[in-house]
Amino acid sequence: MALEILTYPDERLKQLSEPVPVIDARIVDFIRELEATRLAGPSACGIAAPQVGVFQRIVIVDVSNMKKPVANHGHMIMINPEIIEHDGMTMGREGCLSVPEFTGNVMRAEKIKIHFQNPQGEVIEFETAGFEARAIQHEMDHLDGLLFLDRLVSRRTDLFRRKQK
């Protein structure tokens, strides 16, 4: 069952998320609902728990189904993710389930090293770059109450109305 996605300017999107203290059946069930929500909406390569009003540090990212193949680590469920290293900066266009009418140009680290737990509680650490790194950074921003709108290069020249299909 899909959950309701909070959309801008909902003030709850600015709320900070708390770490997940214990990965239990309740968290695993929520992750299932969060993934169903991601898949039910318009094509999205990621979703974060705060986007559905749950303020815990959980994100899902999967760029493996992109039209243009990109290097990726497949379907990732990240609990308590942390970026522990970053390198380079690059600008790219981003959209968001919580900002359905717009896209925008945002500067992000080109390469990141990330550390997180999976739903089994295992600690995962890897490096990634390009679009996957961008998607992870975008979703992790939600955990800190940030939207891509907060990171636009310029509100005047880098915010675009999304083309309606």
Protein backbone atom coordinates (compact mmCIF):
# COMPACT_ATOMS: atom_id res chain seq x y z
CA MET A 1 0.00 0.00 0.00
CA ALA A 2 1.40 3.40 -0.99
CA LEU A 3 1.88 6.04 1.68
CA GLU A 4 1.07 9.72 1.22
CA ILE A 5 4.04 11.75 -0.03
CA LEU A 6 4.53 15.13 1.63
CA THR A 7 4.96 17.92 -0.90
CA TYR A 8 6.53 21.36 -0.77
CA PRO A 9 5.77 23.72 1.02
CA ASP A 10 4.77 21.26 3.81
CA GLU A 11 6.82 22.42 6.84
CA ARG A 12 7.38 18.83 7.99
CA LEU A 13 9.84 18.41 5.10
CA LYS A 14 12.23 20.69 7.04
CA GLN A 15 12.26 18.39 10.07
CA LEU A 16 15.45 16.56 11.08
CA SER A 17 15.30 12.76 11.17
CA GLU A 18 16.45 10.62 14.08
CA PRO A 19 18.80 7.63 13.76
CA VAL A 20 17.16 4.21 13.76
CA PRO A 21 18.19 2.72 17.15
CA VAL A 22 17.14 -0.87 16.41
CA ILE A 23 16.25 -2.56 13.14
CA ASP A 24 13.20 -4.59 14.10
CA ALA A 25 10.13 -6.01 12.34
CA ARG A 26 8.38 -2.63 12.52
CA ILE A 27 11.25 -0.96 10.61
CA VAL A 28 11.36 -3.77 8.03
CA ASP A 29 7.58 -3.47 7.50
CA PHE A 30 7.91 0.30 7.08
CA ILE A 31 10.70 -0.17 4.53
CA ARG A 32 8.37 -2.44 2.52
CA GLU A 33 5.71 0.30 2.53
CA LEU A 34 8.27 2.97 1.62
CA GLU A 35 9.43 0.92 -1.37
CA ALA A 36 5.83 0.31 -2.48
CA THR A 37 5.32 4.09 -2.33
CA ARG A 38 8.43 4.74 -4.46
CA LEU A 39 7.26 2.23 -7.06
CA ALA A 40 3.64 3.47 -7.10
CA GLY A 41 4.48 7.06 -8.00
CA PRO A 42 6.02 8.59 -11.08
CA SER A 43 9.37 7.02 -11.89
CA ALA A 44 11.68 7.77 -8.98
CA CYS A 45 15.12 6.35 -8.32
CA GLY A 46 14.89 7.13 -4.62
CA ILE A 47 12.76 7.96 -1.63
CA ALA A 48 13.47 8.94 1.98
CA ALA A 49 11.40 8.21 5.07
CA PRO A 50 10.73 11.92 5.84
CA GLN A 51 8.95 12.24 2.48
CA VAL A 52 6.15 10.12 3.95
CA GLY A 53 6.20 11.78 7.38
CA VAL A 54 8.43 9.25 9.16
CA PHE A 55 11.40 11.10 10.60
CA GLN A 56 13.93 8.30 10.80
CA ARG A 57 17.19 8.00 8.86
CA ILE A 58 16.10 5.58 6.12
CA VAL A 59 16.52 6.00 2.36
CA ILE A 60 16.04 3.77 -0.67
CA VAL A 61 18.02 4.36 -3.86
CA ASP A 62 18.00 2.29 -7.06
CA VAL A 63 19.40 3.78 -10.27
CA SER A 64 19.73 0.40 -12.01
CA ASN A 65 16.62 0.96 -14.15
CA MET A 66 17.68 4.28 -15.66
CA LYS A 67 17.15 4.73 -19.41
CA LYS A 68 20.88 5.28 -19.92
CA PRO A 69 22.85 2.61 -18.04
CA VAL A 70 24.88 4.06 -15.19
CA ALA A 71 27.36 2.39 -12.85
CA ASN A 72 25.46 1.40 -9.72
CA HIS A 73 25.19 -0.84 -6.69
CA GLY A 74 21.62 -1.95 -7.49
CA HIS A 75 18.72 -1.62 -5.10
CA MET A 76 19.93 -0.14 -1.83
CA ILE A 77 18.08 0.23 1.45
CA MET A 78 20.19 2.47 3.65
CA ILE A 79 19.57 2.82 7.36
CA ASN A 80 21.49 5.53 9.23
CA PRO A 81 23.58 6.45 6.15
CA GLU A 82 26.61 8.71 6.49
CA ILE A 83 28.84 10.17 3.82
CA ILE A 84 32.35 9.70 5.18
CA GLU A 85 34.32 11.07 2.20
CA HIS A 86 33.51 13.20 -0.83
CA ASP A 87 35.47 14.50 -3.78
CA GLY A 88 34.92 16.90 -6.68
CA MET A 89 31.83 18.93 -7.48
CA THR A 90 29.50 18.75 -10.44
CA MET A 91 26.20 20.35 -11.40
CA GLY A 92 23.21 18.28 -12.47
CA ARG A 93 19.45 18.47 -12.91
CA GLU A 94 17.32 17.00 -10.11
CA GLY A 95 13.65 16.37 -9.52
CA CYS A 96 11.84 15.14 -6.44
CA LEU A 97 8.62 13.35 -5.47
CA SER A 98 8.11 16.09 -2.87
CA VAL A 99 8.52 18.88 -5.43
CA PRO A 100 6.48 17.42 -8.31
CA GLU A 101 6.14 20.57 -10.44
CA PHE A 102 9.81 21.57 -10.72
CA THR A 103 13.35 20.40 -11.45
CA GLY A 104 16.54 22.31 -10.81
CA ASN A 105 20.31 22.47 -11.21
CA VAL A 106 22.16 21.48 -8.06
CA MET A 107 25.87 21.18 -7.20
CA ARG A 108 26.82 17.88 -5.57
CA ALA A 109 29.96 15.92 -4.83
CA GLU A 110 31.02 13.88 -7.87
CA LYS A 111 32.30 10.96 -5.74
CA ILE A 112 31.30 9.83 -2.26
CA LYS A 113 32.15 7.09 0.18
CA ILE A 114 29.12 6.01 2.18
CA HIS A 115 28.58 3.96 5.32
CA PHE A 116 25.17 2.55 6.37
CA GLN A 117 23.31 -0.48 7.71
CA ASN A 118 21.11 -2.70 5.56
CA PRO A 119 17.80 -4.16 6.87
CA GLN A 120 19.69 -7.19 8.24
CA GLY A 121 21.80 -4.84 10.39
CA GLU A 122 24.99 -5.44 8.42
CA VAL A 123 27.32 -2.45 8.01
CA ILE A 124 27.96 -1.63 4.36
CA GLU A 125 30.59 0.76 3.06
CA PHE A 126 31.44 1.60 -0.54
CA GLU A 127 32.44 4.34 -2.94
CA THR A 128 30.26 5.57 -5.77
CA ALA A 129 30.27 8.36 -8.31
CA GLY A 130 28.16 10.10 -10.92
CA PHE A 131 24.39 9.78 -10.95
CA GLU A 132 24.23 7.18 -8.17
CA ALA A 133 26.27 9.45 -5.88
CA ARG A 134 23.94 12.35 -6.76
CA ALA A 135 20.82 10.29 -6.01
CA ILE A 136 22.19 9.17 -2.64
CA GLN A 137 23.10 12.74 -1.66
CA HIS A 138 19.65 13.98 -2.76
CA GLU A 139 17.84 11.39 -0.62
CA MET A 140 20.14 11.92 2.35
CA ASP A 141 19.35 15.65 2.26
CA HIS A 142 15.75 14.76 3.16
CA LEU A 143 17.06 13.28 6.44
CA ASP A 144 18.41 16.72 7.34
CA GLY A 145 15.29 18.64 6.33
CA LEU A 146 16.69 19.83 2.99
CA LEU A 147 15.13 19.79 -0.47
CA PHE A 148 16.93 20.29 -3.77
CA LEU A 149 15.29 23.75 -3.75
CA ASP A 150 17.61 24.62 -0.84
CA ARG A 151 20.66 23.78 -2.97
CA LEU A 152 19.78 25.40 -6.29
CA VAL A 153 22.72 27.05 -8.01
CA SER A 154 20.46 30.05 -8.68
CA ARG A 155 16.73 30.36 -7.95
CA ARG A 156 16.46 32.79 -10.85
CA THR A 157 18.11 30.71 -13.60
CA ASP A 158 18.25 27.10 -12.33
CA LEU A 159 14.66 26.24 -11.41
CA PHE A 160 12.50 24.78 -14.18
CA ARG A 161 8.82 23.93 -14.42
CA ARG A 162 8.51 20.20 -15.07
CA LYS A 163 7.01 19.25 -18.41
CA GLN A 164 3.64 17.63 -17.86
CA LYS A 165 3.06 14.35 -19.69
